Amino acid sequence: MHSGENMTDFLRGEFIGRKIKVIESSNSSLVGLEGKIVDETKNMFEIETNGVAKKVQKKISRFLFVEEGVVVDGSIINYRPEDRLNAKFREW
């Protein structure tokens, strides 16, 4: 995270363009997938890795935001990006 950025601000911020890694998922074929977020919907991240975009369901996965060193459970960010701005993240 950037200096001065707290966890709630991070979770409410823009994820597109950030490097991410799937560290846990009920879909075992996704574990270890790493790349850049190129699109986000309420339920999915689209992650580009090696020139190929793959869709990953948020609520079944845990993610490592690589550059920030932050692990996030996808179920708590299972919002449309614009709805995350006003979300209350009780877990943090």
N, C-alpha and C. Protein backbone atom coordinates (compact mmCIF):
# COMPACT_ATOMS: atom_id res chain seq x y z
N MET A 1 0.84 -1.19 0.00
CA MET A 1 0.00 0.00 0.00
C MET A 1 0.88 1.24 0.00
N HIS A 2 0.33 2.30 -0.49
CA HIS A 2 1.06 3.56 -0.50
C HIS A 2 1.10 4.12 0.92
N SER A 3 2.09 4.92 1.23
CA SER A 3 2.17 5.49 2.57
C SER A 3 0.92 6.34 2.82
N GLY A 4 0.39 6.22 4.01
CA GLY A 4 -0.80 6.96 4.37
C GLY A 4 -2.10 6.29 3.95
N GLU A 5 -2.00 5.21 3.21
CA GLU A 5 -3.20 4.51 2.76
C GLU A 5 -3.54 3.42 3.77
N ASN A 6 -4.73 3.48 4.35
CA ASN A 6 -5.10 2.43 5.29
C ASN A 6 -5.83 1.31 4.53
N MET A 7 -6.12 0.25 5.23
CA MET A 7 -6.69 -0.93 4.58
C MET A 7 -8.06 -0.63 3.96
N THR A 8 -8.89 0.14 4.64
CA THR A 8 -10.21 0.45 4.10
C THR A 8 -10.06 1.25 2.81
N ASP A 9 -9.15 2.23 2.79
CA ASP A 9 -8.92 3.01 1.58
C ASP A 9 -8.43 2.11 0.45
N PHE A 10 -7.56 1.18 0.78
CA PHE A 10 -7.05 0.24 -0.23
C PHE A 10 -8.20 -0.58 -0.82
N LEU A 11 -9.07 -1.12 0.04
CA LEU A 11 -10.17 -1.95 -0.42
C LEU A 11 -11.20 -1.17 -1.23
N ARG A 12 -11.30 0.12 -0.98
CA ARG A 12 -12.24 0.96 -1.73
C ARG A 12 -11.63 1.49 -3.02
N GLY A 13 -10.34 1.33 -3.18
CA GLY A 13 -9.62 1.92 -4.32
C GLY A 13 -9.73 1.12 -5.60
N GLU A 14 -9.03 1.60 -6.59
CA GLU A 14 -9.01 1.00 -7.92
C GLU A 14 -8.09 -0.21 -7.93
N PHE A 15 -8.61 -1.34 -8.40
CA PHE A 15 -7.80 -2.56 -8.48
C PHE A 15 -7.24 -2.79 -9.88
N ILE A 16 -7.88 -2.22 -10.90
CA ILE A 16 -7.41 -2.42 -12.27
C ILE A 16 -5.99 -1.85 -12.39
N GLY A 17 -5.12 -2.67 -12.96
CA GLY A 17 -3.72 -2.28 -13.12
C GLY A 17 -2.81 -2.85 -12.04
N ARG A 18 -3.39 -3.37 -10.95
CA ARG A 18 -2.57 -3.93 -9.87
C ARG A 18 -2.19 -5.37 -10.18
N LYS A 19 -1.00 -5.75 -9.72
CA LYS A 19 -0.56 -7.14 -9.87
C LYS A 19 -1.16 -7.97 -8.76
N ILE A 20 -1.64 -9.16 -9.11
CA ILE A 20 -2.37 -9.99 -8.17
C ILE A 20 -1.99 -11.45 -8.37
N LYS A 21 -2.11 -12.22 -7.30
CA LYS A 21 -1.87 -13.66 -7.37
C LYS A 21 -2.97 -14.37 -6.62
N VAL A 22 -3.49 -15.44 -7.20
CA VAL A 22 -4.51 -16.26 -6.53
C VAL A 22 -3.76 -17.22 -5.61
N ILE A 23 -3.98 -17.10 -4.29
CA ILE A 23 -3.25 -17.96 -3.35
C ILE A 23 -4.11 -19.08 -2.79
N GLU A 24 -5.43 -18.94 -2.88
CA GLU A 24 -6.35 -20.01 -2.48
C GLU A 24 -7.59 -19.89 -3.36
N SER A 25 -8.18 -21.03 -3.70
CA SER A 25 -9.43 -21.01 -4.45
C SER A 25 -10.06 -22.38 -4.37
N SER A 26 -11.39 -22.41 -4.37
CA SER A 26 -12.07 -23.71 -4.43
C SER A 26 -11.91 -24.32 -5.81
N ASN A 27 -11.49 -23.52 -6.80
CA ASN A 27 -11.13 -24.01 -8.13
C ASN A 27 -9.61 -24.15 -8.14
N SER A 28 -9.11 -25.35 -7.89
CA SER A 28 -7.67 -25.55 -7.71
C SER A 28 -6.85 -25.18 -8.94
N SER A 29 -7.46 -25.15 -10.12
CA SER A 29 -6.70 -24.80 -11.32
C SER A 29 -6.33 -23.31 -11.34
N LEU A 30 -6.95 -22.50 -10.49
CA LEU A 30 -6.66 -21.08 -10.43
C LEU A 30 -5.53 -20.74 -9.47
N VAL A 31 -5.25 -21.62 -8.52
CA VAL A 31 -4.23 -21.35 -7.50
C VAL A 31 -2.88 -21.17 -8.17
N GLY A 32 -2.21 -20.07 -7.83
CA GLY A 32 -0.92 -19.76 -8.41
C GLY A 32 -1.00 -18.83 -9.61
N LEU A 33 -2.21 -18.58 -10.12
CA LEU A 33 -2.37 -17.67 -11.24
C LEU A 33 -1.92 -16.28 -10.81
N GLU A 34 -1.07 -15.67 -11.60
CA GLU A 34 -0.54 -14.36 -11.25
C GLU A 34 -0.52 -13.49 -12.49
N GLY A 35 -0.89 -12.24 -12.33
CA GLY A 35 -0.88 -11.31 -13.45
C GLY A 35 -1.44 -9.97 -13.03
N LYS A 36 -1.84 -9.20 -14.03
CA LYS A 36 -2.35 -7.86 -13.81
C LYS A 36 -3.85 -7.85 -14.01
N ILE A 37 -4.56 -7.17 -13.11
CA ILE A 37 -6.01 -7.03 -13.25
C ILE A 37 -6.28 -6.07 -14.40
N VAL A 38 -7.02 -6.55 -15.40
CA VAL A 38 -7.34 -5.71 -16.55
C VAL A 38 -8.82 -5.32 -16.59
N ASP A 39 -9.65 -6.01 -15.79
CA ASP A 39 -11.06 -5.65 -15.71
C ASP A 39 -11.61 -6.21 -14.41
N GLU A 40 -12.69 -5.59 -13.92
CA GLU A 40 -13.33 -6.04 -12.70
C GLU A 40 -14.82 -5.85 -12.83
N THR A 41 -15.57 -6.88 -12.41
CA THR A 41 -17.02 -6.77 -12.30
C THR A 41 -17.37 -7.08 -10.85
N LYS A 42 -18.64 -7.14 -10.56
CA LYS A 42 -19.06 -7.45 -9.19
C LYS A 42 -18.47 -8.77 -8.72
N ASN A 43 -18.52 -9.79 -9.55
CA ASN A 43 -18.14 -11.13 -9.12
C ASN A 43 -16.79 -11.61 -9.63
N MET A 44 -16.18 -10.89 -10.54
CA MET A 44 -14.98 -11.41 -11.22
C MET A 44 -13.86 -10.39 -11.31
N PHE A 45 -12.64 -10.92 -11.31
CA PHE A 45 -11.48 -10.18 -11.77
C PHE A 45 -11.09 -10.81 -13.10
N GLU A 46 -10.69 -10.00 -14.05
CA GLU A 46 -10.09 -10.50 -15.26
C GLU A 46 -8.60 -10.22 -15.13
N ILE A 47 -7.83 -11.30 -15.11
CA ILE A 47 -6.39 -11.20 -14.86
C ILE A 47 -5.65 -11.58 -16.13
N GLU A 48 -4.77 -10.69 -16.58
CA GLU A 48 -3.96 -10.98 -17.76
C GLU A 48 -2.63 -11.57 -17.31
N THR A 49 -2.34 -12.75 -17.84
CA THR A 49 -1.09 -13.42 -17.55
C THR A 49 -0.55 -14.00 -18.85
N ASN A 50 0.68 -13.69 -19.16
CA ASN A 50 1.32 -14.15 -20.40
C ASN A 50 0.48 -13.83 -21.64
N GLY A 51 -0.11 -12.65 -21.67
CA GLY A 51 -0.88 -12.22 -22.83
C GLY A 51 -2.27 -12.81 -22.95
N VAL A 52 -2.68 -13.62 -21.96
CA VAL A 52 -4.00 -14.25 -21.98
C VAL A 52 -4.80 -13.75 -20.77
N ALA A 53 -6.04 -13.35 -21.01
CA ALA A 53 -6.91 -12.88 -19.92
C ALA A 53 -7.73 -14.05 -19.40
N LYS A 54 -7.71 -14.21 -18.07
CA LYS A 54 -8.50 -15.27 -17.43
C LYS A 54 -9.42 -14.63 -16.41
N LYS A 55 -10.65 -15.15 -16.36
CA LYS A 55 -11.62 -14.64 -15.39
C LYS A 55 -11.55 -15.49 -14.13
N VAL A 56 -11.52 -14.80 -12.99
CA VAL A 56 -11.43 -15.46 -11.69
C VAL A 56 -12.56 -14.96 -10.82
N GLN A 57 -13.34 -15.89 -10.31
CA GLN A 57 -14.47 -15.54 -9.43
C GLN A 57 -13.91 -15.07 -8.10
N LYS A 58 -14.36 -13.90 -7.64
CA LYS A 58 -13.84 -13.32 -6.40
C LYS A 58 -14.19 -14.15 -5.17
N LYS A 59 -15.48 -14.48 -5.02
CA LYS A 59 -15.94 -15.03 -3.75
C LYS A 59 -15.39 -16.41 -3.41
N ILE A 60 -14.80 -17.11 -4.38
CA ILE A 60 -14.26 -18.44 -4.09
C ILE A 60 -12.74 -18.43 -3.93
N SER A 61 -12.15 -17.21 -3.92
CA SER A 61 -10.69 -17.12 -3.94
C SER A 61 -10.15 -16.15 -2.90
N ARG A 62 -8.87 -16.35 -2.57
CA ARG A 62 -8.11 -15.40 -1.76
C ARG A 62 -6.98 -14.90 -2.65
N PHE A 63 -6.71 -13.59 -2.54
CA PHE A 63 -5.77 -12.95 -3.44
C PHE A 63 -4.64 -12.29 -2.68
N LEU A 64 -3.46 -12.33 -3.27
CA LEU A 64 -2.33 -11.56 -2.79
C LEU A 64 -2.12 -10.41 -3.76
N PHE A 65 -2.22 -9.18 -3.27
CA PHE A 65 -1.86 -8.03 -4.07
C PHE A 65 -0.35 -7.91 -3.94
N VAL A 66 0.35 -8.27 -5.01
CA VAL A 66 1.78 -8.54 -4.97
C VAL A 66 2.59 -7.34 -4.50
N GLU A 67 2.44 -6.20 -5.13
CA GLU A 67 3.27 -5.04 -4.80
C GLU A 67 2.98 -4.49 -3.41
N GLU A 68 1.73 -4.64 -2.96
CA GLU A 68 1.34 -4.11 -1.65
C GLU A 68 1.59 -5.12 -0.53
N GLY A 69 1.73 -6.39 -0.88
CA GLY A 69 1.92 -7.43 0.12
C GLY A 69 0.68 -7.67 0.96
N VAL A 70 -0.49 -7.44 0.38
CA VAL A 70 -1.76 -7.54 1.11
C VAL A 70 -2.54 -8.76 0.62
N VAL A 71 -3.02 -9.56 1.58
CA VAL A 71 -3.87 -10.71 1.25
C VAL A 71 -5.32 -10.33 1.54
N VAL A 72 -6.19 -10.58 0.55
CA VAL A 72 -7.60 -10.21 0.67
C VAL A 72 -8.47 -11.40 0.31
N ASP A 73 -9.44 -11.69 1.15
CA ASP A 73 -10.43 -12.72 0.85
C ASP A 73 -11.42 -12.13 -0.14
N GLY A 74 -11.58 -12.79 -1.28
CA GLY A 74 -12.43 -12.26 -2.34
C GLY A 74 -13.87 -12.04 -1.93
N SER A 75 -14.36 -12.79 -0.94
CA SER A 75 -15.76 -12.62 -0.55
C SER A 75 -16.04 -11.25 0.05
N ILE A 76 -15.03 -10.58 0.63
CA ILE A 76 -15.29 -9.26 1.22
C ILE A 76 -15.19 -8.13 0.19
N ILE A 77 -14.69 -8.43 -1.01
CA ILE A 77 -14.64 -7.40 -2.06
C ILE A 77 -15.56 -7.78 -3.22
N ASN A 78 -16.52 -8.64 -2.94
CA ASN A 78 -17.45 -9.11 -3.97
C ASN A 78 -18.53 -8.05 -4.21
N TYR A 79 -18.10 -6.89 -4.68
CA TYR A 79 -18.95 -5.75 -4.99
C TYR A 79 -18.59 -5.26 -6.39
N ARG A 80 -19.50 -4.52 -6.99
CA ARG A 80 -19.12 -3.78 -8.19
C ARG A 80 -18.09 -2.74 -7.76
N PRO A 81 -17.12 -2.43 -8.61
CA PRO A 81 -16.08 -1.47 -8.20
C PRO A 81 -16.66 -0.17 -7.65
N GLU A 82 -17.71 0.35 -8.27
CA GLU A 82 -18.28 1.62 -7.81
C GLU A 82 -18.99 1.46 -6.47
N ASP A 83 -19.47 0.26 -6.15
CA ASP A 83 -20.14 0.04 -4.86
C ASP A 83 -19.13 -0.15 -3.73
N ARG A 84 -17.91 -0.55 -4.06
CA ARG A 84 -16.87 -0.71 -3.03
C ARG A 84 -16.51 0.62 -2.39
N LEU A 85 -16.74 1.73 -3.12
CA LEU A 85 -16.39 3.05 -2.60
C LEU A 85 -17.10 3.35 -1.28
N ASN A 86 -18.32 2.86 -1.14
CA ASN A 86 -19.11 3.15 0.06
C ASN A 86 -19.27 1.94 0.97
N ALA A 87 -18.61 0.85 0.64
CA ALA A 87 -18.77 -0.36 1.43
C ALA A 87 -18.14 -0.21 2.80
N LYS A 88 -18.74 -0.86 3.77
CA LYS A 88 -18.17 -0.89 5.12
C LYS A 88 -17.47 -2.24 5.29
N PHE A 89 -16.18 -2.19 5.46
CA PHE A 89 -15.38 -3.41 5.57
C PHE A 89 -15.16 -3.71 7.05
N ARG A 90 -16.08 -4.43 7.63
CA ARG A 90 -16.04 -4.72 9.06
C ARG A 90 -14.86 -5.61 9.45
N GLU A 91 -14.41 -6.45 8.51
CA GLU A 91 -13.31 -7.37 8.82
C GLU A 91 -12.00 -6.64 9.07
N TRP A 92 -11.92 -5.37 8.66
CA TRP A 92 -10.66 -4.64 8.80
C TRP A 92 -10.84 -3.64 9.88
